[in-house]
Amino acid sequence: MYDRIRSLREDRDLRQQDLAEYLHCSQVAYSRYELGLRDIPTEVLTALARFHHTSVDYLLGLTDRRDPYPPPGTP
């Protein structure tokens, strides 16, 4: 999981500080998420999934499909 959030950040040429500001946390806290030294709260996972236009399942390593799931009720 942790390598995925780092990879997504690096793919967009963003700094840890950029994501920390978006998430309203410190750069140190965000760095600890990427290193796996701190559990990522559900609301932060959801925010990261929205930011990167992917699913929480992708971030957690439950799927290799990067694109987000369609909203419920979408054909």
N, C-alpha and C. Protein backbone atom coordinates (compact mmCIF):
# COMPACT_ATOMS: atom_id res chain seq x y z
N MET A 1 0.83 -1.19 0.00
CA MET A 1 0.00 0.00 0.00
C MET A 1 0.88 1.25 0.00
N TYR A 2 1.87 1.27 0.84
CA TYR A 2 2.65 2.49 1.03
C TYR A 2 3.42 2.86 -0.23
N ASP A 3 3.90 1.84 -0.94
CA ASP A 3 4.62 2.13 -2.18
C ASP A 3 3.69 2.70 -3.24
N ARG A 4 2.40 2.36 -3.17
CA ARG A 4 1.45 2.88 -4.16
C ARG A 4 1.20 4.37 -3.96
N ILE A 5 1.06 4.81 -2.73
CA ILE A 5 0.81 6.24 -2.56
C ILE A 5 2.06 7.05 -2.93
N ARG A 6 3.22 6.47 -2.70
CA ARG A 6 4.45 7.16 -3.11
C ARG A 6 4.55 7.20 -4.63
N SER A 7 4.28 6.08 -5.27
CA SER A 7 4.36 6.00 -6.72
C SER A 7 3.37 6.97 -7.39
N LEU A 8 2.15 7.03 -6.88
CA LEU A 8 1.16 7.95 -7.44
C LEU A 8 1.61 9.40 -7.29
N ARG A 9 2.18 9.72 -6.14
CA ARG A 9 2.69 11.08 -5.91
C ARG A 9 3.81 11.40 -6.88
N GLU A 10 4.76 10.48 -7.01
CA GLU A 10 5.91 10.72 -7.89
C GLU A 10 5.51 10.78 -9.35
N ASP A 11 4.49 9.99 -9.75
CA ASP A 11 4.02 10.02 -11.14
C ASP A 11 3.53 11.42 -11.52
N ARG A 12 3.06 12.18 -10.55
CA ARG A 12 2.54 13.52 -10.81
C ARG A 12 3.57 14.60 -10.45
N ASP A 13 4.80 14.18 -10.17
CA ASP A 13 5.88 15.11 -9.82
C ASP A 13 5.50 16.03 -8.66
N LEU A 14 4.88 15.44 -7.64
CA LEU A 14 4.49 16.19 -6.45
C LEU A 14 5.46 15.91 -5.32
N ARG A 15 5.58 16.88 -4.44
CA ARG A 15 6.40 16.70 -3.24
C ARG A 15 5.50 16.17 -2.12
N GLN A 16 6.11 15.58 -1.12
CA GLN A 16 5.34 15.16 0.05
C GLN A 16 4.62 16.35 0.66
N GLN A 17 5.24 17.50 0.65
CA GLN A 17 4.64 18.71 1.21
C GLN A 17 3.35 19.07 0.48
N ASP A 18 3.32 18.85 -0.84
CA ASP A 18 2.11 19.15 -1.61
C ASP A 18 0.93 18.32 -1.13
N LEU A 19 1.16 17.02 -0.92
CA LEU A 19 0.09 16.14 -0.44
C LEU A 19 -0.25 16.45 1.01
N ALA A 20 0.75 16.77 1.80
CA ALA A 20 0.49 17.11 3.20
C ALA A 20 -0.41 18.33 3.30
N GLU A 21 -0.18 19.32 2.47
CA GLU A 21 -1.03 20.51 2.47
C GLU A 21 -2.45 20.15 2.06
N TYR A 22 -2.60 19.32 1.04
CA TYR A 22 -3.93 18.89 0.59
C TYR A 22 -4.67 18.15 1.70
N LEU A 23 -3.94 17.33 2.44
CA LEU A 23 -4.53 16.50 3.49
C LEU A 23 -4.62 17.23 4.84
N HIS A 24 -4.08 18.43 4.91
CA HIS A 24 -4.07 19.22 6.16
C HIS A 24 -3.32 18.48 7.28
N CYS A 25 -2.14 17.99 6.91
CA CYS A 25 -1.27 17.35 7.90
C CYS A 25 0.15 17.84 7.66
N SER A 26 1.06 17.45 8.51
CA SER A 26 2.45 17.87 8.33
C SER A 26 3.14 16.98 7.29
N GLN A 27 4.22 17.48 6.75
CA GLN A 27 5.02 16.69 5.81
C GLN A 27 5.56 15.46 6.50
N VAL A 28 5.92 15.58 7.76
CA VAL A 28 6.44 14.44 8.53
C VAL A 28 5.38 13.36 8.66
N ALA A 29 4.13 13.75 8.95
CA ALA A 29 3.04 12.77 9.05
C ALA A 29 2.84 12.07 7.72
N TYR A 30 2.82 12.85 6.63
CA TYR A 30 2.64 12.24 5.32
C TYR A 30 3.80 11.30 4.99
N SER A 31 5.00 11.70 5.30
CA SER A 31 6.16 10.84 5.07
C SER A 31 6.02 9.51 5.80
N ARG A 32 5.50 9.56 7.01
CA ARG A 32 5.31 8.33 7.79
C ARG A 32 4.25 7.44 7.17
N TYR A 33 3.24 8.03 6.51
CA TYR A 33 2.27 7.22 5.76
C TYR A 33 2.98 6.47 4.65
N GLU A 34 3.81 7.17 3.88
CA GLU A 34 4.53 6.55 2.76
C GLU A 34 5.51 5.48 3.22
N LEU A 35 6.11 5.67 4.35
CA LEU A 35 7.10 4.71 4.86
C LEU A 35 6.45 3.54 5.61
N GLY A 36 5.17 3.63 5.85
CA GLY A 36 4.48 2.58 6.59
C GLY A 36 4.72 2.64 8.08
N LEU A 37 5.17 3.78 8.56
CA LEU A 37 5.44 3.95 9.98
C LEU A 37 4.22 4.43 10.75
N ARG A 38 3.19 4.80 10.00
CA ARG A 38 1.96 5.30 10.62
C ARG A 38 0.77 4.78 9.82
N ASP A 39 -0.23 4.24 10.51
CA ASP A 39 -1.44 3.80 9.83
C ASP A 39 -2.14 4.98 9.20
N ILE A 40 -2.70 4.76 8.02
CA ILE A 40 -3.39 5.83 7.32
C ILE A 40 -4.87 5.78 7.70
N PRO A 41 -5.39 6.84 8.30
CA PRO A 41 -6.80 6.87 8.68
C PRO A 41 -7.71 6.74 7.45
N THR A 42 -8.88 6.21 7.66
CA THR A 42 -9.84 5.99 6.57
C THR A 42 -10.11 7.27 5.80
N GLU A 43 -10.29 8.38 6.50
CA GLU A 43 -10.60 9.63 5.80
C GLU A 43 -9.44 10.11 4.94
N VAL A 44 -8.22 9.79 5.35
CA VAL A 44 -7.04 10.15 4.56
C VAL A 44 -6.95 9.25 3.33
N LEU A 45 -7.23 7.96 3.50
CA LEU A 45 -7.25 7.04 2.35
C LEU A 45 -8.27 7.49 1.32
N THR A 46 -9.45 7.86 1.79
CA THR A 46 -10.50 8.32 0.90
C THR A 46 -10.07 9.58 0.16
N ALA A 47 -9.48 10.52 0.88
CA ALA A 47 -9.01 11.77 0.26
C ALA A 47 -7.91 11.48 -0.77
N LEU A 48 -7.01 10.57 -0.46
CA LEU A 48 -5.95 10.22 -1.41
C LEU A 48 -6.52 9.57 -2.66
N ALA A 49 -7.50 8.69 -2.49
CA ALA A 49 -8.14 8.04 -3.63
C ALA A 49 -8.81 9.08 -4.52
N ARG A 50 -9.51 10.02 -3.92
CA ARG A 50 -10.15 11.08 -4.71
C ARG A 50 -9.12 11.94 -5.43
N PHE A 51 -8.07 12.31 -4.71
CA PHE A 51 -7.03 13.16 -5.28
C PHE A 51 -6.38 12.50 -6.49
N HIS A 52 -6.09 11.20 -6.37
CA HIS A 52 -5.39 10.49 -7.44
C HIS A 52 -6.35 9.83 -8.43
N HIS A 53 -7.65 10.03 -8.25
CA HIS A 53 -8.66 9.47 -9.17
C HIS A 53 -8.50 7.95 -9.28
N THR A 54 -8.47 7.32 -8.12
CA THR A 54 -8.36 5.87 -8.06
C THR A 54 -9.27 5.37 -6.95
N SER A 55 -9.20 4.10 -6.63
CA SER A 55 -10.03 3.54 -5.57
C SER A 55 -9.18 3.28 -4.31
N VAL A 56 -9.86 3.24 -3.19
CA VAL A 56 -9.18 2.87 -1.95
C VAL A 56 -8.65 1.45 -2.07
N ASP A 57 -9.39 0.59 -2.75
CA ASP A 57 -8.91 -0.79 -2.95
C ASP A 57 -7.57 -0.81 -3.67
N TYR A 58 -7.37 0.07 -4.64
CA TYR A 58 -6.08 0.14 -5.32
C TYR A 58 -4.99 0.58 -4.35
N LEU A 59 -5.29 1.61 -3.57
CA LEU A 59 -4.30 2.09 -2.60
C LEU A 59 -3.92 1.01 -1.60
N LEU A 60 -4.90 0.19 -1.21
CA LEU A 60 -4.65 -0.87 -0.24
C LEU A 60 -4.02 -2.12 -0.85
N GLY A 61 -3.90 -2.15 -2.16
CA GLY A 61 -3.30 -3.31 -2.82
C GLY A 61 -4.28 -4.46 -3.03
N LEU A 62 -5.58 -4.19 -2.92
CA LEU A 62 -6.58 -5.24 -3.10
C LEU A 62 -6.92 -5.48 -4.57
N THR A 63 -6.54 -4.53 -5.42
CA THR A 63 -6.72 -4.65 -6.86
C THR A 63 -5.57 -3.95 -7.55
N ASP A 64 -5.30 -4.37 -8.77
CA ASP A 64 -4.28 -3.69 -9.57
C ASP A 64 -4.90 -2.73 -10.56
N ARG A 65 -6.22 -2.60 -10.50
CA ARG A 65 -6.95 -1.69 -11.39
C ARG A 65 -6.86 -0.28 -10.80
N ARG A 66 -6.21 0.64 -11.53
CA ARG A 66 -5.99 1.99 -11.02
C ARG A 66 -7.21 2.89 -11.13
N ASP A 67 -8.04 2.67 -12.15
CA ASP A 67 -9.17 3.58 -12.33
C ASP A 67 -10.21 3.35 -11.24
N PRO A 68 -10.90 4.41 -10.85
CA PRO A 68 -11.87 4.29 -9.76
C PRO A 68 -13.09 3.49 -10.19
N TYR A 69 -13.79 2.98 -9.22
CA TYR A 69 -15.03 2.28 -9.50
C TYR A 69 -16.08 3.29 -9.92
N PRO A 70 -16.99 2.89 -10.81
CA PRO A 70 -18.07 3.82 -11.16
C PRO A 70 -19.02 4.01 -9.98
N PRO A 71 -19.67 5.17 -9.92
CA PRO A 71 -20.62 5.39 -8.82
C PRO A 71 -21.74 4.36 -8.86
N PRO A 72 -22.32 4.02 -7.71
CA PRO A 72 -23.43 3.06 -7.70
C PRO A 72 -24.56 3.53 -8.62
N GLY A 73 -25.15 2.58 -9.31
CA GLY A 73 -26.26 2.90 -10.21
C GLY A 73 -25.82 3.29 -11.61
N THR A 74 -24.50 3.35 -11.86
CA THR A 74 -23.99 3.68 -13.18
C THR A 74 -23.93 2.39 -14.00
N PRO A 75 -24.49 2.41 -15.21
CA PRO A 75 -24.45 1.18 -16.04
C PRO A 75 -23.07 0.81 -16.48
